[in-house]
Protein backbone atom coordinates (compact mmCIF):
# COMPACT_ATOMS: atom_id res chain seq x y z
CA UNK A 1 2.92 16.97 -0.37
CA UNK A 2 0.81 17.47 2.39
CA UNK A 3 0.74 15.11 5.66
CA UNK A 4 -2.86 13.74 4.81
CA UNK A 5 -4.31 10.32 5.80
CA UNK A 6 -3.97 8.07 2.99
CA UNK A 7 -8.18 8.43 2.67
CA UNK A 8 -7.75 12.07 2.21
CA UNK A 9 -5.14 11.78 -0.28
CA UNK A 10 -7.20 9.33 -2.09
CA UNK A 11 -10.16 11.67 -1.73
CA UNK A 12 -8.17 14.71 -3.12
CA UNK A 13 -6.84 12.84 -5.89
CA UNK A 14 -10.05 11.61 -7.27
CA UNK A 15 -11.36 14.79 -6.76
CA UNK A 16 -8.79 16.56 -8.75
CA UNK A 17 -8.69 13.98 -11.57
CA UNK A 18 -12.19 12.27 -11.62
CA UNK A 19 -11.07 8.45 -12.62
CA UNK A 20 -13.35 6.79 -14.63
CA UNK A 21 -13.32 3.85 -12.53
CA UNK A 22 -11.64 2.41 -9.16
CA UNK A 23 -9.15 0.32 -11.00
CA UNK A 24 -7.84 3.34 -12.37
CA UNK A 25 -7.93 5.19 -9.71
CA UNK A 26 -5.92 2.65 -7.34
CA UNK A 27 -3.55 2.40 -10.11
CA UNK A 28 -2.90 5.94 -10.69
CA UNK A 29 -2.86 6.82 -7.14
CA UNK A 30 -0.22 4.13 -6.10
CA UNK A 31 2.15 6.18 -8.36
CA UNK A 32 0.75 10.27 -8.28
CA UNK A 33 -0.92 9.87 -4.77
CA UNK A 34 0.35 12.98 -2.39
CA UNK A 35 1.84 14.72 -5.66
CA UNK A 36 -1.07 16.90 -5.74
CA UNK A 37 -1.03 17.09 -9.54
CA UNK A 38 -3.68 17.19 -12.18
CA UNK A 39 -3.58 14.29 -14.60
CA UNK A 40 -5.22 13.37 -18.10
CA UNK A 41 -6.80 10.34 -16.86
CA UNK A 42 -7.44 9.33 -20.58
CA UNK A 43 -3.57 8.95 -21.08
CA UNK A 44 -1.96 5.55 -20.11
CA UNK A 45 -0.24 5.44 -16.71
CA UNK A 46 3.21 4.98 -18.36
CA UNK A 47 3.16 7.94 -20.32
CA UNK A 48 2.12 10.15 -17.52
CA UNK A 49 4.79 8.75 -15.51
CA UNK A 50 7.47 9.99 -18.39
CA UNK A 51 5.66 13.24 -18.59
CA UNK A 52 5.37 14.18 -14.83
CA UNK A 53 8.16 12.33 -13.09
CA UNK A 54 10.81 11.03 -15.66
CA UNK A 55 11.17 14.14 -17.85
CA UNK A 56 10.84 16.24 -14.64
CA UNK A 57 13.54 14.13 -12.57
CA UNK A 58 15.98 16.93 -11.90
CA UNK A 59 13.01 19.02 -10.45
CA UNK A 60 11.53 16.48 -8.28
CA UNK A 61 15.01 15.15 -7.05
CA UNK A 62 15.53 18.53 -5.68
CA UNK A 63 11.98 18.79 -4.33
CA UNK A 64 12.57 15.11 -2.66
CA UNK A 65 15.76 16.33 -1.27
CA UNK A 66 14.34 19.30 0.48
CA UNK A 67 11.16 17.24 1.87
CA UNK A 68 13.43 14.19 3.38
CA UNK A 69 16.73 16.42 3.85
CA UNK A 70 20.20 15.26 2.93
CA UNK A 71 21.29 12.34 5.19
CA UNK A 72 22.86 10.15 2.87
CA UNK A 73 21.36 7.05 4.74
CA UNK A 74 17.81 8.03 4.08
CA UNK A 75 17.50 7.08 0.38
CA UNK A 76 19.12 3.96 0.88
CA UNK A 77 16.69 2.96 3.79
CA UNK A 78 13.76 4.19 2.12
CA UNK A 79 14.94 2.38 -1.19
CA UNK A 80 15.36 -0.81 1.27
CA UNK A 81 11.95 -0.59 2.25
CA UNK A 82 10.27 0.14 -0.75
CA UNK A 83 11.51 -2.61 -2.88
CA UNK A 84 11.62 -5.34 -0.15
CA UNK A 85 9.09 -6.97 2.33
CA UNK A 86 9.15 -3.22 4.49
CA UNK A 87 10.65 -5.05 7.84
CA UNK A 88 13.08 -2.66 9.20
CA UNK A 89 15.58 -5.09 9.71
CA UNK A 90 15.52 -6.41 6.22
CA UNK A 91 15.41 -2.83 5.02
CA UNK A 92 18.66 -2.02 6.72
CA UNK A 93 20.03 -4.96 5.14
CA UNK A 94 19.31 -4.25 1.68
CA UNK A 95 20.69 -0.36 2.47
CA UNK A 96 23.90 -2.19 4.09
CA UNK A 97 23.26 0.00 7.27
CA UNK A 98 23.66 -1.13 10.70
CA UNK A 99 20.95 -1.67 12.94
CA UNK A 100 21.25 1.38 15.27
CA UNK A 101 22.19 3.43 12.68
CA UNK A 102 19.28 2.67 10.77
CA UNK A 103 16.92 2.85 13.75
CA UNK A 104 18.40 6.64 14.19
CA UNK A 105 17.31 7.26 10.58
CA UNK A 106 14.07 5.97 11.41
CA UNK A 107 13.44 7.98 13.95
CA UNK A 108 14.03 11.15 11.83
CA UNK A 109 12.13 10.04 9.29
CA UNK A 110 9.21 9.32 11.58
CA UNK A 111 9.55 12.73 13.26
CA UNK A 112 9.46 14.26 9.43
CA UNK A 113 6.38 12.50 8.79
CA UNK A 114 7.94 10.62 5.78
CA UNK A 115 7.06 7.21 7.15
CA UNK A 116 5.21 5.39 10.18
CA UNK A 117 5.89 2.03 11.47
CA UNK A 118 3.32 -0.80 11.85
CA UNK A 119 3.34 -3.67 13.89
CA UNK A 120 2.04 -7.18 13.35
CA UNK A 121 -1.28 -7.82 15.13
CA UNK A 122 -1.53 -10.29 17.89
CA UNK A 123 1.54 -8.79 19.26
CA UNK A 124 3.92 -11.43 18.24
CA UNK A 125 7.83 -10.53 17.94
CA UNK A 126 8.06 -9.88 14.46
CA UNK A 127 9.89 -6.86 13.05
CA UNK A 128 8.13 -3.65 12.72
CA UNK A 129 7.15 -2.56 9.02
CA UNK A 130 7.93 0.72 7.15
CA UNK A 131 4.73 2.47 5.57
CA UNK A 132 5.15 5.41 3.42
CA UNK A 133 2.78 8.25 4.37
CA UNK A 134 2.84 9.08 0.63
CA UNK A 135 2.27 6.68 -2.11
CA UNK A 136 4.30 8.98 -4.71
CA UNK A 137 7.56 8.97 -2.01
CA UNK A 138 7.27 5.25 -1.91
CA UNK A 139 6.90 5.10 -5.95
CA UNK A 140 9.98 7.21 -6.04
CA UNK A 141 12.28 5.33 -3.83
CA UNK A 142 10.87 2.02 -5.35
CA UNK A 143 11.56 2.81 -9.03
CA UNK A 144 13.19 6.39 -9.49
CA UNK A 145 15.85 6.79 -7.02
CA UNK A 146 17.61 3.28 -7.57
CA UNK A 147 17.43 3.78 -11.32
CA UNK A 148 18.63 7.40 -11.13
CA UNK A 149 21.68 7.08 -13.68
CA UNK A 150 19.79 6.19 -16.55
CA UNK A 151 16.92 8.26 -15.77
CA UNK A 152 19.01 11.43 -15.30
CA UNK A 153 20.28 10.67 -18.76
CA UNK A 154 16.96 10.47 -20.49
CA UNK A 155 17.33 6.72 -20.58
CA UNK A 156 14.18 5.05 -19.43
CA UNK A 157 14.27 1.28 -20.64
CA UNK A 158 15.58 0.26 -17.36
CA UNK A 159 12.73 1.98 -15.52
CA UNK A 160 9.94 0.81 -17.58
CA UNK A 161 11.27 -2.87 -17.48
CA UNK A 162 11.39 -2.72 -13.52
CA UNK A 163 8.01 -0.86 -13.29
CA UNK A 164 6.16 -2.92 -15.85
CA UNK A 165 7.41 -6.27 -14.13
CA UNK A 166 6.46 -5.11 -10.51
CA UNK A 167 3.68 -3.00 -11.07
CA UNK A 168 0.58 -5.57 -9.77
CA UNK A 169 3.05 -6.20 -6.56
CA UNK A 170 3.27 -2.67 -6.32
CA UNK A 171 -0.06 -1.43 -6.29
CA UNK A 172 -0.82 -4.39 -3.98
CA UNK A 173 -0.06 -2.56 -0.98
CA UNK A 174 -1.80 0.43 -1.60
CA UNK A 175 -5.08 -1.54 -2.40
CA UNK A 176 -4.40 -3.22 0.89
CA UNK A 177 -4.37 0.24 2.87
CA UNK A 178 -7.39 1.44 0.64
CA UNK A 179 -9.14 -1.95 1.95
CA UNK A 180 -8.53 -0.94 5.57
CA UNK A 181 -9.90 2.21 5.34
CA UNK A 182 -13.07 0.88 3.82
CA UNK A 183 -13.52 -1.60 6.45
CA UNK A 184 -13.35 1.06 8.93
CA UNK A 185 -16.06 2.80 7.02
CA UNK A 186 -18.10 -0.32 6.72
CA UNK A 187 -17.90 -1.51 10.01
CA UNK A 188 -18.22 2.15 11.52
CA UNK A 189 -21.49 0.57 13.75
CA UNK A 190 -19.33 -1.80 15.28
CA UNK A 191 -16.46 1.01 15.77
CA UNK A 192 -13.08 -0.95 14.67
CA UNK A 193 -10.49 0.17 17.56
CA UNK A 194 -7.65 -1.69 15.99
CA UNK A 195 -6.99 -2.82 12.25
CA UNK A 196 -3.76 -3.76 10.85
CA UNK A 197 -1.79 -6.94 9.58
CA UNK A 198 -0.54 -10.07 10.83
CA UNK A 199 3.03 -11.70 9.50
CA UNK A 200 5.73 -13.96 10.98
CA UNK A 201 8.23 -15.86 9.30
CA UNK A 202 5.70 -18.40 8.13
CA UNK A 203 2.34 -16.72 8.02
CA UNK A 204 1.13 -13.33 6.30
CA UNK A 205 -2.67 -12.34 7.01
CA UNK A 206 -3.59 -8.83 4.87
CA UNK A 207 -6.11 -7.64 7.43
CA UNK A 208 -6.90 -8.12 10.88
CA UNK A 209 -9.19 -6.00 12.89
CA UNK A 210 -11.18 -5.93 16.28
CA UNK A 211 -14.23 -3.96 17.29
CA UNK A 212 -15.19 -2.48 20.44
CA UNK A 213 -17.20 -5.81 21.24
CA UNK A 214 -13.91 -7.73 20.67
CA UNK A 215 -15.29 -9.31 17.63
CA UNK A 216 -12.39 -10.19 15.28
CA UNK A 217 -12.57 -9.50 11.40
CA UNK A 218 -9.80 -11.29 8.76
CA UNK A 219 -9.26 -10.74 5.48
CA UNK A 220 -7.41 -11.25 2.14
CA UNK A 221 -6.87 -8.68 -0.29
CA UNK A 222 -5.63 -9.55 -3.91
CA UNK A 223 -5.11 -7.01 -6.80
CA UNK A 224 -4.78 -9.76 -9.55
CA UNK A 225 -6.23 -9.75 -13.27
CA UNK A 226 -7.79 -12.97 -12.55
CA UNK A 227 -10.96 -13.84 -10.42
CA UNK A 228 -10.25 -15.16 -6.85
CA UNK A 229 -11.09 -18.67 -5.95
CA UNK A 230 -12.47 -20.53 -3.32
CA UNK A 231 -8.60 -21.74 -2.50
CA UNK A 232 -8.17 -17.93 -1.19
CA UNK A 233 -10.84 -18.47 1.12
CA UNK A 234 -9.30 -21.95 2.39
CA UNK A 235 -5.84 -20.42 2.52
CA UNK A 236 -7.03 -17.45 5.02
CA UNK A 237 -8.85 -19.87 7.06
CA UNK A 238 -5.55 -21.98 7.32
CA UNK A 239 -3.64 -18.96 8.17
CA UNK A 240 -5.99 -18.04 11.04
CA UNK A 241 -5.79 -21.53 12.35
CA UNK A 242 -2.16 -21.44 12.15
CA UNK A 243 -1.46 -18.32 14.44
CA UNK A 244 -4.68 -19.44 16.97
CA UNK A 245 -6.75 -16.48 15.30
CA UNK A 246 -10.87 -17.28 15.54
CA UNK A 247 -12.46 -14.66 13.48
CA UNK A 248 -16.00 -14.00 13.81
CA UNK A 249 -15.83 -12.66 10.04
CA UNK A 250 -14.02 -12.90 7.11
CA UNK A 251 -13.77 -10.49 4.42
CA UNK A 252 -11.98 -10.81 0.79
CA UNK A 253 -11.30 -8.07 -1.56
CA UNK A 254 -10.47 -8.91 -5.45
CA UNK A 255 -9.74 -6.42 -8.17
CA UNK A 256 -11.49 -8.91 -10.82
CA UNK A 257 -14.28 -10.56 -8.74
CA UNK A 258 -14.77 -14.01 -7.52
CA UNK A 259 -15.24 -17.50 -9.13
CA UNK A 260 -19.00 -18.63 -8.91
CA UNK A 261 -18.08 -21.38 -6.34
CA UNK A 262 -16.97 -18.59 -4.00
CA UNK A 263 -19.90 -16.35 -4.31
CA UNK A 264 -22.02 -19.14 -3.39
CA UNK A 265 -20.47 -19.38 -0.07
CA UNK A 266 -20.95 -15.30 0.70
CA UNK A 267 -22.99 -14.99 3.74
CA UNK A 268 -23.34 -12.84 7.11
CA UNK A 269 -19.70 -14.48 8.11
CA UNK A 270 -18.25 -14.02 4.66
CA UNK A 271 -18.25 -10.71 2.73
CA UNK A 272 -16.57 -10.30 -0.62
CA UNK A 273 -15.84 -6.77 -1.83
CA UNK A 274 -14.10 -5.50 -5.22
CA UNK A 275 -12.36 -2.63 -6.31
CA UNK A 276 -15.97 -0.86 -6.94
CA UNK A 277 -16.96 -1.06 -3.19
CA UNK A 278 -13.90 1.08 -2.48
CA UNK A 279 -15.90 4.11 -4.01
CA UNK A 280 -17.32 4.43 -0.34
CA UNK A 281 -14.15 6.27 0.62
CA UNK A 282 -15.05 8.99 -1.79
CA UNK A 283 -18.43 9.68 -0.22
CA UNK A 284 -19.22 12.42 2.26
CA UNK A 285 -21.54 10.31 4.29
CA UNK A 286 -18.99 8.03 5.35
């Protein structure tokens, strides 16, 4: 599990496995990204998880333990982050770990390169959030580590129930991260110097970026099996207004495209992207 950037990991994954489309690339990468193995992309994701992860649980558990070290608090905190809203304080609560002890673990995990921390844009006082540097490690602590008792005994029913119920929600974060990487490339001439997310107790914005000329880009990323409608644009504008953010451009990302009404609004200050656009992440000229 090399410590590459997310884009580097995605490029490596796609080079090794040659996915047929970007939807498959994103969904399979969300599970196997950073693991560095070759997959048969004609095989359903659930079957590949069984073959390469669940059936190899004992071997992978040893690898994960060596990679992360054997501090007994690490798995609890990482599972808290992988299954919750990723905020440090709520991850500690899920793990039933005192705040100071939790922050000591965070410092160690940062030093090991297992995670990184992100702060809410616009410098508010919301707790920092935990980001895994490897999609596979996040997958492990979201679905495998919490259900290890059944998995180690060869009973995968509980795993598949949990994974199938949360697959879209789980994939959403990696989709957002890849959208961020795409925006840095798409606006490379404007030289984006800061990109991230905004959150507080009431409002969430998936993408907030600033260029060297102080232009602001705000965006929404939706990995759903339905077309995004105009209401998503209205909600993004409402969220920006609530926090006093005045974007110069709005961008939307969708798994399944957009309604005709929303597409008719596309202009120089409203950009609409889909999974297919993320193929640019694989191109050398970028």
